[in-house]
N, C-alpha and C. Protein backbone atom coordinates (compact mmCIF):
# COMPACT_ATOMS: atom_id res chain seq x y z
N MET A 1 -55.19 -18.55 -57.92
CA MET A 1 -56.22 -19.25 -58.62
C MET A 1 -57.19 -18.27 -59.32
N ALA A 2 -57.97 -17.46 -58.50
CA ALA A 2 -58.91 -16.59 -59.15
C ALA A 2 -59.40 -15.49 -58.18
N VAL A 3 -59.70 -14.35 -58.76
CA VAL A 3 -60.37 -13.31 -58.01
C VAL A 3 -61.86 -13.68 -58.00
N ARG A 4 -62.41 -13.82 -56.81
CA ARG A 4 -63.82 -14.22 -56.73
C ARG A 4 -64.75 -13.03 -56.50
N GLU A 5 -65.95 -13.18 -56.95
CA GLU A 5 -67.00 -12.21 -56.78
C GLU A 5 -67.32 -12.06 -55.27
N ILE A 6 -67.54 -10.86 -54.80
CA ILE A 6 -67.87 -10.59 -53.43
C ILE A 6 -69.39 -10.67 -53.27
N ARG A 7 -69.81 -11.46 -52.22
CA ARG A 7 -71.19 -11.60 -51.89
C ARG A 7 -71.69 -10.33 -51.21
N LEU A 8 -72.87 -9.89 -51.52
CA LEU A 8 -73.39 -8.60 -50.99
C LEU A 8 -74.37 -8.79 -49.85
N PHE A 9 -74.48 -7.76 -49.02
CA PHE A 9 -75.44 -7.73 -47.90
C PHE A 9 -76.76 -8.27 -48.35
N GLY A 10 -77.34 -9.17 -47.53
CA GLY A 10 -78.55 -9.85 -47.92
C GLY A 10 -78.34 -11.28 -48.30
N ASP A 11 -77.11 -11.61 -48.75
CA ASP A 11 -76.82 -13.00 -49.06
C ASP A 11 -76.75 -13.80 -47.74
N PRO A 12 -77.48 -14.90 -47.65
CA PRO A 12 -77.53 -15.64 -46.36
C PRO A 12 -76.14 -16.13 -45.89
N VAL A 13 -75.18 -16.36 -46.76
CA VAL A 13 -73.87 -16.81 -46.31
C VAL A 13 -73.20 -15.80 -45.42
N LEU A 14 -73.57 -14.51 -45.54
CA LEU A 14 -72.91 -13.49 -44.71
C LEU A 14 -73.48 -13.52 -43.29
N ARG A 15 -74.58 -14.19 -43.07
CA ARG A 15 -75.15 -14.30 -41.76
C ARG A 15 -74.84 -15.71 -41.10
N THR A 16 -74.05 -16.47 -41.78
CA THR A 16 -73.79 -17.83 -41.34
C THR A 16 -72.54 -17.84 -40.42
N VAL A 17 -72.66 -18.56 -39.28
CA VAL A 17 -71.54 -18.79 -38.42
C VAL A 17 -70.71 -19.87 -39.16
N CYS A 18 -69.45 -19.55 -39.48
CA CYS A 18 -68.67 -20.44 -40.35
C CYS A 18 -68.11 -21.63 -39.54
N ALA A 19 -68.00 -22.73 -40.25
CA ALA A 19 -67.45 -23.93 -39.66
C ALA A 19 -65.95 -23.93 -39.63
N PRO A 20 -65.35 -24.50 -38.59
CA PRO A 20 -63.90 -24.63 -38.57
C PRO A 20 -63.41 -25.53 -39.70
N ILE A 21 -62.19 -25.31 -40.14
CA ILE A 21 -61.53 -26.17 -41.10
C ILE A 21 -60.99 -27.37 -40.40
N GLU A 22 -61.54 -28.53 -40.71
CA GLU A 22 -61.13 -29.77 -40.02
C GLU A 22 -59.93 -30.43 -40.65
N GLN A 23 -59.85 -30.28 -42.00
CA GLN A 23 -58.78 -30.98 -42.72
C GLN A 23 -58.26 -30.02 -43.84
N ILE A 24 -56.98 -29.95 -43.93
CA ILE A 24 -56.37 -29.11 -44.99
C ILE A 24 -56.16 -29.98 -46.18
N ASP A 25 -57.01 -29.72 -47.24
CA ASP A 25 -56.95 -30.52 -48.48
C ASP A 25 -56.83 -29.56 -49.63
N ASP A 26 -56.98 -30.09 -50.85
CA ASP A 26 -56.87 -29.29 -52.05
C ASP A 26 -57.93 -28.23 -52.10
N GLY A 27 -59.10 -28.50 -51.58
CA GLY A 27 -60.17 -27.52 -51.59
C GLY A 27 -59.82 -26.33 -50.67
N VAL A 28 -59.23 -26.58 -49.53
CA VAL A 28 -58.86 -25.47 -48.64
C VAL A 28 -57.65 -24.74 -49.26
N ARG A 29 -56.74 -25.43 -49.89
CA ARG A 29 -55.62 -24.73 -50.56
C ARG A 29 -56.14 -23.84 -51.67
N ALA A 30 -57.15 -24.29 -52.43
CA ALA A 30 -57.74 -23.45 -53.49
C ALA A 30 -58.49 -22.27 -52.89
N LEU A 31 -59.17 -22.49 -51.78
CA LEU A 31 -59.87 -21.40 -51.07
C LEU A 31 -58.86 -20.31 -50.69
N VAL A 32 -57.74 -20.69 -50.10
CA VAL A 32 -56.71 -19.75 -49.65
C VAL A 32 -56.17 -18.98 -50.86
N ALA A 33 -55.89 -19.68 -51.97
CA ALA A 33 -55.38 -19.02 -53.16
C ALA A 33 -56.38 -17.98 -53.65
N ASP A 34 -57.67 -18.33 -53.67
CA ASP A 34 -58.71 -17.38 -54.13
C ASP A 34 -58.84 -16.20 -53.16
N LEU A 35 -58.78 -16.48 -51.83
CA LEU A 35 -58.84 -15.37 -50.84
C LEU A 35 -57.68 -14.40 -51.07
N VAL A 36 -56.50 -14.92 -51.25
CA VAL A 36 -55.30 -14.10 -51.43
C VAL A 36 -55.43 -13.29 -52.74
N ASP A 37 -55.80 -13.97 -53.82
CA ASP A 37 -55.97 -13.28 -55.11
C ASP A 37 -57.05 -12.15 -54.97
N THR A 38 -58.12 -12.45 -54.30
CA THR A 38 -59.24 -11.51 -54.19
C THR A 38 -58.89 -10.31 -53.33
N VAL A 39 -58.07 -10.50 -52.29
CA VAL A 39 -57.73 -9.36 -51.40
C VAL A 39 -56.66 -8.44 -52.02
N GLN A 40 -56.02 -8.89 -53.06
CA GLN A 40 -54.93 -8.07 -53.61
C GLN A 40 -55.35 -6.97 -54.54
N LEU A 41 -56.69 -6.87 -54.83
CA LEU A 41 -57.15 -5.80 -55.61
C LEU A 41 -57.05 -4.50 -54.84
N PRO A 42 -56.89 -3.39 -55.49
CA PRO A 42 -56.63 -2.11 -54.78
C PRO A 42 -57.80 -1.76 -53.88
N GLY A 43 -57.45 -1.23 -52.71
CA GLY A 43 -58.47 -0.76 -51.72
C GLY A 43 -59.00 -1.81 -50.84
N ARG A 44 -58.46 -3.02 -50.85
CA ARG A 44 -58.95 -4.11 -50.04
C ARG A 44 -57.99 -4.42 -48.87
N ALA A 45 -58.54 -4.40 -47.67
CA ALA A 45 -57.71 -4.71 -46.48
C ALA A 45 -57.92 -6.17 -46.00
N GLY A 46 -59.09 -6.73 -46.33
CA GLY A 46 -59.35 -8.09 -45.93
C GLY A 46 -60.53 -8.70 -46.64
N VAL A 47 -60.49 -10.01 -46.78
CA VAL A 47 -61.64 -10.77 -47.41
C VAL A 47 -61.83 -12.03 -46.60
N ALA A 48 -63.02 -12.20 -46.09
CA ALA A 48 -63.36 -13.43 -45.35
C ALA A 48 -64.03 -14.42 -46.26
N ALA A 49 -63.87 -15.73 -45.96
CA ALA A 49 -64.38 -16.77 -46.83
C ALA A 49 -65.87 -16.62 -47.13
N PRO A 50 -66.70 -16.27 -46.15
CA PRO A 50 -68.12 -16.12 -46.55
C PRO A 50 -68.37 -15.00 -47.57
N GLN A 51 -67.46 -14.03 -47.66
CA GLN A 51 -67.65 -12.97 -48.61
C GLN A 51 -67.48 -13.45 -50.05
N ILE A 52 -66.85 -14.64 -50.16
CA ILE A 52 -66.73 -15.29 -51.51
C ILE A 52 -67.56 -16.55 -51.58
N GLY A 53 -68.55 -16.64 -50.62
CA GLY A 53 -69.51 -17.71 -50.70
C GLY A 53 -69.16 -19.02 -49.99
N VAL A 54 -68.10 -19.01 -49.16
CA VAL A 54 -67.64 -20.25 -48.51
C VAL A 54 -67.79 -20.09 -46.98
N ALA A 55 -68.60 -20.88 -46.37
CA ALA A 55 -68.85 -20.77 -44.89
C ALA A 55 -67.83 -21.57 -44.09
N LEU A 56 -66.54 -21.23 -44.31
CA LEU A 56 -65.48 -21.83 -43.51
C LEU A 56 -64.67 -20.73 -42.87
N ARG A 57 -64.02 -21.01 -41.74
CA ARG A 57 -63.28 -20.05 -40.95
C ARG A 57 -61.89 -19.76 -41.56
N ALA A 58 -61.84 -18.81 -42.48
CA ALA A 58 -60.60 -18.40 -43.11
C ALA A 58 -60.81 -16.96 -43.61
N PHE A 59 -59.71 -16.20 -43.55
CA PHE A 59 -59.68 -14.93 -44.18
C PHE A 59 -58.34 -14.53 -44.71
N SER A 60 -58.26 -13.61 -45.61
CA SER A 60 -57.00 -13.05 -46.11
C SER A 60 -56.96 -11.62 -45.69
N TYR A 61 -55.72 -11.06 -45.74
CA TYR A 61 -55.55 -9.65 -45.41
C TYR A 61 -54.53 -9.05 -46.31
N ASN A 62 -54.60 -7.69 -46.42
CA ASN A 62 -53.66 -6.95 -47.25
C ASN A 62 -53.50 -5.58 -46.51
N ILE A 63 -52.53 -5.48 -45.59
CA ILE A 63 -52.34 -4.32 -44.81
C ILE A 63 -50.98 -3.79 -45.10
N ASP A 64 -50.99 -2.58 -45.70
CA ASP A 64 -49.75 -1.88 -46.02
C ASP A 64 -48.79 -2.77 -46.84
N GLY A 65 -49.38 -3.51 -47.81
CA GLY A 65 -48.58 -4.37 -48.70
C GLY A 65 -48.24 -5.76 -48.12
N ASP A 66 -48.62 -6.00 -46.86
CA ASP A 66 -48.36 -7.31 -46.25
C ASP A 66 -49.62 -8.15 -46.50
N VAL A 67 -49.51 -9.12 -47.37
CA VAL A 67 -50.60 -10.00 -47.78
C VAL A 67 -50.46 -11.33 -47.17
N GLY A 68 -51.53 -11.87 -46.61
CA GLY A 68 -51.48 -13.21 -46.04
C GLY A 68 -52.86 -13.72 -45.74
N TYR A 69 -52.89 -14.82 -44.99
CA TYR A 69 -54.16 -15.45 -44.68
C TYR A 69 -54.06 -16.16 -43.34
N VAL A 70 -55.18 -16.55 -42.79
CA VAL A 70 -55.15 -17.32 -41.56
C VAL A 70 -56.39 -18.25 -41.59
N LEU A 71 -56.17 -19.48 -41.20
CA LEU A 71 -57.25 -20.47 -41.10
C LEU A 71 -57.69 -20.63 -39.63
N ASN A 72 -58.90 -20.87 -39.41
CA ASN A 72 -59.48 -21.04 -38.07
C ASN A 72 -59.08 -19.95 -37.13
N PRO A 73 -59.16 -18.69 -37.58
CA PRO A 73 -58.75 -17.58 -36.69
C PRO A 73 -59.70 -17.36 -35.51
N VAL A 74 -59.08 -17.10 -34.41
CA VAL A 74 -59.86 -16.75 -33.19
C VAL A 74 -59.34 -15.40 -32.69
N LEU A 75 -60.24 -14.46 -32.46
CA LEU A 75 -59.86 -13.22 -31.85
C LEU A 75 -59.63 -13.48 -30.36
N VAL A 76 -58.38 -13.54 -29.98
CA VAL A 76 -58.09 -13.95 -28.58
C VAL A 76 -57.84 -12.78 -27.61
N GLU A 77 -57.56 -11.60 -28.16
CA GLU A 77 -57.36 -10.47 -27.25
C GLU A 77 -57.60 -9.17 -27.97
N VAL A 78 -58.20 -8.25 -27.29
CA VAL A 78 -58.33 -6.87 -27.76
C VAL A 78 -57.88 -5.99 -26.59
N ARG A 79 -57.36 -4.81 -26.97
CA ARG A 79 -56.90 -3.83 -25.91
C ARG A 79 -57.47 -2.49 -26.20
N GLY A 80 -57.68 -1.75 -25.13
CA GLY A 80 -58.19 -0.39 -25.22
C GLY A 80 -59.67 -0.34 -25.34
N GLU A 81 -60.19 0.81 -25.00
CA GLU A 81 -61.64 1.04 -25.09
C GLU A 81 -62.01 1.14 -26.55
N PRO A 82 -63.14 0.59 -26.94
CA PRO A 82 -63.59 0.73 -28.36
C PRO A 82 -63.77 2.19 -28.73
N VAL A 83 -63.33 2.56 -29.89
CA VAL A 83 -63.49 3.91 -30.39
C VAL A 83 -64.17 3.91 -31.73
N PRO A 84 -64.97 4.94 -32.05
CA PRO A 84 -65.53 5.04 -33.35
C PRO A 84 -64.43 5.05 -34.45
N THR A 85 -64.57 4.17 -35.36
CA THR A 85 -63.54 4.03 -36.40
C THR A 85 -64.25 3.95 -37.77
N GLY A 86 -63.83 4.84 -38.66
CA GLY A 86 -64.41 4.82 -39.99
C GLY A 86 -64.18 3.51 -40.68
N GLU A 87 -65.31 2.93 -41.14
CA GLU A 87 -65.24 1.57 -41.71
C GLU A 87 -66.20 1.40 -42.84
N GLY A 88 -65.75 0.60 -43.77
CA GLY A 88 -66.58 0.14 -44.90
C GLY A 88 -66.49 -1.36 -45.05
N CYS A 89 -67.18 -1.90 -46.04
CA CYS A 89 -67.09 -3.35 -46.25
C CYS A 89 -67.42 -3.64 -47.71
N LEU A 90 -66.63 -4.55 -48.24
CA LEU A 90 -66.83 -4.93 -49.66
C LEU A 90 -68.21 -5.51 -49.85
N SER A 91 -68.80 -6.07 -48.89
CA SER A 91 -70.15 -6.68 -48.99
C SER A 91 -71.25 -5.62 -48.82
N VAL A 92 -70.89 -4.43 -48.46
CA VAL A 92 -71.83 -3.33 -48.35
C VAL A 92 -71.28 -2.14 -49.12
N PRO A 93 -71.13 -2.24 -50.43
CA PRO A 93 -70.40 -1.23 -51.17
C PRO A 93 -71.03 0.19 -51.08
N GLY A 94 -70.14 1.12 -51.03
CA GLY A 94 -70.56 2.51 -51.05
C GLY A 94 -70.89 3.12 -49.69
N LEU A 95 -70.94 2.30 -48.66
CA LEU A 95 -71.22 2.84 -47.33
C LEU A 95 -69.94 2.99 -46.52
N TRP A 96 -69.90 4.03 -45.70
CA TRP A 96 -68.77 4.29 -44.83
C TRP A 96 -69.30 4.89 -43.55
N HIS A 97 -69.18 4.22 -42.44
CA HIS A 97 -69.70 4.71 -41.17
C HIS A 97 -68.71 4.37 -40.04
N ASP A 98 -68.85 5.05 -38.91
CA ASP A 98 -68.02 4.74 -37.74
C ASP A 98 -68.60 3.54 -37.00
N ALA A 99 -67.77 2.52 -36.84
CA ALA A 99 -68.10 1.37 -36.06
C ALA A 99 -67.18 1.35 -34.83
N LEU A 100 -67.65 0.83 -33.74
CA LEU A 100 -66.81 0.74 -32.54
C LEU A 100 -65.82 -0.40 -32.68
N ARG A 101 -64.54 -0.05 -32.59
CA ARG A 101 -63.47 -1.10 -32.69
C ARG A 101 -62.41 -0.79 -31.63
N HIS A 102 -61.84 -1.82 -31.13
CA HIS A 102 -60.72 -1.72 -30.17
C HIS A 102 -59.48 -1.31 -30.94
N PRO A 103 -58.62 -0.49 -30.33
CA PRO A 103 -57.43 0.01 -31.06
C PRO A 103 -56.36 -1.05 -31.25
N TRP A 104 -56.40 -2.16 -30.58
CA TRP A 104 -55.39 -3.20 -30.72
C TRP A 104 -56.09 -4.55 -30.69
N ALA A 105 -55.62 -5.51 -31.51
CA ALA A 105 -56.22 -6.83 -31.51
C ALA A 105 -55.19 -7.90 -31.85
N ARG A 106 -55.52 -9.12 -31.42
CA ARG A 106 -54.67 -10.32 -31.66
C ARG A 106 -55.54 -11.46 -32.10
N VAL A 107 -55.15 -12.08 -33.21
CA VAL A 107 -55.81 -13.25 -33.77
C VAL A 107 -54.84 -14.37 -33.80
N GLU A 108 -55.27 -15.58 -33.42
CA GLU A 108 -54.45 -16.80 -33.53
C GLU A 108 -55.20 -17.78 -34.42
N GLY A 109 -54.46 -18.53 -35.22
CA GLY A 109 -54.97 -19.50 -36.11
C GLY A 109 -53.88 -20.43 -36.61
N ILE A 110 -54.08 -20.95 -37.80
CA ILE A 110 -53.09 -21.84 -38.36
C ILE A 110 -52.89 -21.50 -39.87
N ASP A 111 -51.76 -22.00 -40.46
CA ASP A 111 -51.57 -21.87 -41.92
C ASP A 111 -51.88 -23.18 -42.61
N LEU A 112 -51.57 -23.26 -43.90
CA LEU A 112 -51.84 -24.47 -44.68
C LEU A 112 -51.03 -25.67 -44.23
N ASP A 113 -49.99 -25.47 -43.48
CA ASP A 113 -49.21 -26.58 -42.97
C ASP A 113 -49.63 -26.98 -41.54
N GLY A 114 -50.66 -26.34 -41.03
CA GLY A 114 -51.10 -26.62 -39.69
C GLY A 114 -50.23 -25.91 -38.61
N GLU A 115 -49.36 -25.05 -39.05
CA GLU A 115 -48.48 -24.33 -38.09
C GLU A 115 -49.18 -23.12 -37.55
N PRO A 116 -48.88 -22.75 -36.30
CA PRO A 116 -49.54 -21.61 -35.67
C PRO A 116 -49.26 -20.29 -36.44
N VAL A 117 -50.27 -19.44 -36.47
CA VAL A 117 -50.20 -18.10 -36.98
C VAL A 117 -50.69 -17.14 -35.97
N VAL A 118 -49.93 -16.08 -35.73
CA VAL A 118 -50.38 -15.05 -34.78
C VAL A 118 -50.29 -13.72 -35.51
N LEU A 119 -51.42 -12.99 -35.57
CA LEU A 119 -51.43 -11.68 -36.14
C LEU A 119 -51.89 -10.71 -35.04
N GLU A 120 -51.11 -9.67 -34.80
CA GLU A 120 -51.49 -8.73 -33.81
C GLU A 120 -50.99 -7.33 -34.17
N GLY A 121 -51.76 -6.32 -33.77
CA GLY A 121 -51.31 -5.01 -34.04
C GLY A 121 -52.41 -4.01 -33.79
N GLU A 122 -52.13 -2.76 -34.21
CA GLU A 122 -53.04 -1.67 -33.95
C GLU A 122 -53.45 -1.03 -35.26
N GLY A 123 -54.27 -0.03 -35.19
CA GLY A 123 -54.65 0.71 -36.34
C GLY A 123 -55.51 -0.15 -37.33
N LEU A 124 -55.12 -0.03 -38.61
CA LEU A 124 -55.88 -0.74 -39.66
C LEU A 124 -55.78 -2.26 -39.45
N LEU A 125 -54.65 -2.76 -39.01
CA LEU A 125 -54.60 -4.25 -38.78
C LEU A 125 -55.56 -4.66 -37.70
N ALA A 126 -55.61 -3.92 -36.62
CA ALA A 126 -56.53 -4.26 -35.52
C ALA A 126 -57.95 -4.23 -36.00
N GLN A 127 -58.32 -3.19 -36.77
CA GLN A 127 -59.62 -3.09 -37.29
C GLN A 127 -59.97 -4.27 -38.25
N ALA A 128 -59.06 -4.59 -39.12
CA ALA A 128 -59.26 -5.71 -40.08
C ALA A 128 -59.45 -7.01 -39.36
N LEU A 129 -58.65 -7.28 -38.32
CA LEU A 129 -58.72 -8.55 -37.57
C LEU A 129 -60.13 -8.63 -36.97
N GLN A 130 -60.62 -7.56 -36.39
CA GLN A 130 -61.95 -7.57 -35.75
C GLN A 130 -63.05 -7.72 -36.80
N HIS A 131 -62.92 -6.95 -37.93
CA HIS A 131 -63.91 -6.97 -39.03
C HIS A 131 -64.01 -8.35 -39.63
N GLU A 132 -62.85 -8.96 -39.93
CA GLU A 132 -62.90 -10.25 -40.65
C GLU A 132 -63.38 -11.40 -39.72
N THR A 133 -62.97 -11.38 -38.44
CA THR A 133 -63.50 -12.38 -37.54
C THR A 133 -64.98 -12.25 -37.29
N ASP A 134 -65.47 -10.98 -37.34
CA ASP A 134 -66.90 -10.78 -37.29
C ASP A 134 -67.57 -11.52 -38.45
N HIS A 135 -67.04 -11.35 -39.64
CA HIS A 135 -67.64 -12.06 -40.83
C HIS A 135 -67.74 -13.56 -40.55
N LEU A 136 -66.75 -14.13 -39.96
CA LEU A 136 -66.72 -15.59 -39.70
C LEU A 136 -67.75 -16.01 -38.65
N ASP A 137 -68.15 -15.02 -37.83
CA ASP A 137 -69.20 -15.27 -36.89
C ASP A 137 -70.59 -14.82 -37.36
N GLY A 138 -70.72 -14.54 -38.66
CA GLY A 138 -72.00 -14.18 -39.31
C GLY A 138 -72.41 -12.77 -39.06
N ARG A 139 -71.46 -11.86 -38.79
CA ARG A 139 -71.78 -10.45 -38.50
C ARG A 139 -71.20 -9.54 -39.60
N VAL A 140 -71.95 -8.60 -40.03
CA VAL A 140 -71.49 -7.56 -40.94
C VAL A 140 -71.38 -6.28 -40.08
N TYR A 141 -70.42 -5.39 -40.43
CA TYR A 141 -70.08 -4.27 -39.56
C TYR A 141 -71.32 -3.37 -39.29
N VAL A 142 -72.29 -3.39 -40.15
CA VAL A 142 -73.50 -2.57 -39.91
C VAL A 142 -74.13 -2.93 -38.55
N SER A 143 -74.00 -4.16 -38.15
CA SER A 143 -74.59 -4.51 -36.83
C SER A 143 -73.85 -3.88 -35.64
N ARG A 144 -72.65 -3.31 -35.89
CA ARG A 144 -71.90 -2.67 -34.80
C ARG A 144 -72.17 -1.20 -34.74
N LEU A 145 -72.95 -0.66 -35.58
CA LEU A 145 -73.20 0.77 -35.59
C LEU A 145 -74.19 1.16 -34.50
N ASP A 146 -74.12 2.40 -34.02
CA ASP A 146 -75.09 2.85 -33.02
C ASP A 146 -76.49 2.82 -33.69
N PRO A 147 -77.54 2.75 -32.93
CA PRO A 147 -78.87 2.55 -33.52
C PRO A 147 -79.27 3.57 -34.55
N ASP A 148 -79.03 4.85 -34.35
CA ASP A 148 -79.40 5.86 -35.34
C ASP A 148 -78.60 5.70 -36.63
N THR A 149 -77.29 5.42 -36.54
CA THR A 149 -76.46 5.19 -37.71
C THR A 149 -76.84 3.91 -38.40
N ARG A 150 -77.22 2.92 -37.65
CA ARG A 150 -77.65 1.63 -38.27
C ARG A 150 -78.92 1.86 -39.09
N ARG A 151 -79.87 2.62 -38.57
CA ARG A 151 -81.13 2.92 -39.32
C ARG A 151 -80.74 3.65 -40.64
N LEU A 152 -79.84 4.62 -40.55
CA LEU A 152 -79.40 5.33 -41.71
C LEU A 152 -78.71 4.39 -42.72
N ALA A 153 -77.87 3.56 -42.23
CA ALA A 153 -77.16 2.61 -43.09
C ALA A 153 -78.15 1.63 -43.77
N MET A 154 -79.09 1.15 -43.01
CA MET A 154 -80.07 0.22 -43.62
C MET A 154 -80.92 0.92 -44.67
N ARG A 155 -81.23 2.23 -44.48
CA ARG A 155 -81.96 2.96 -45.52
C ARG A 155 -81.09 3.14 -46.72
N GLN A 156 -79.81 3.41 -46.54
CA GLN A 156 -78.85 3.58 -47.65
C GLN A 156 -78.71 2.23 -48.41
N ILE A 157 -78.73 1.15 -47.72
CA ILE A 157 -78.64 -0.17 -48.34
C ILE A 157 -79.90 -0.41 -49.23
N ARG A 158 -81.02 -0.20 -48.62
CA ARG A 158 -82.32 -0.42 -49.33
C ARG A 158 -82.42 0.45 -50.55
N GLU A 159 -81.84 1.66 -50.51
CA GLU A 159 -81.95 2.58 -51.64
C GLU A 159 -80.83 2.39 -52.68
N SER A 160 -79.86 1.55 -52.35
CA SER A 160 -78.69 1.35 -53.20
C SER A 160 -79.08 0.62 -54.53
N SER A 161 -78.27 0.84 -55.54
CA SER A 161 -78.53 0.18 -56.80
C SER A 161 -78.21 -1.31 -56.78
N TRP A 162 -77.36 -1.74 -55.87
CA TRP A 162 -76.95 -3.14 -55.83
C TRP A 162 -77.81 -4.01 -55.00
N PHE A 163 -78.69 -3.45 -54.16
CA PHE A 163 -79.46 -4.27 -53.20
C PHE A 163 -80.74 -4.82 -53.89
C-alpha cells in the first residue's frame, strides 16, 4: 500500500499502550501492508504500528531479508541474562546506545487469517522482537538505558534538529 512516515520521539502515540486487534478487517489488512512496505526500506529491522501512528498491537520485521509481520504479538519467553546491545530506533533518529536485551526471545501472535505465528531466535531477531513489543507497550528503547546514558540520550534528543 504505502511507506508511512515514522513518528518521532515526543509523539504521544509512542507512549500509548496499544490495543489488541479484535477483528481482522480491511483496515487491519491495510495496516499490515503499510507496515511491511515501511519496514522494507534499507536499514530497517522492524516497524511497530505506533511508529506509523496506529495504536494497535502489530509490527513488521525485516531480518536478514526475511520480511513479515505479526498481529497481537506477546513476548512469551526470553533466555539468557540481559546484555548491553547496540541499538537505535527509527523514532529516535541519529542515536545509537547500548540497551539491555536478552540474547534469545520468542513472540507469539496471529496472522491475517487468525492463524498462530511464532517468531523466535537470537541476535538481531531477538533484539527486534523485544524492541518492537516494547513499542506496543508504550516504551521507546531510551527508557531501557542506564541512568547516565539515558541522560546523555535525552540531551542528544533535545539538541537534535528533528526534536
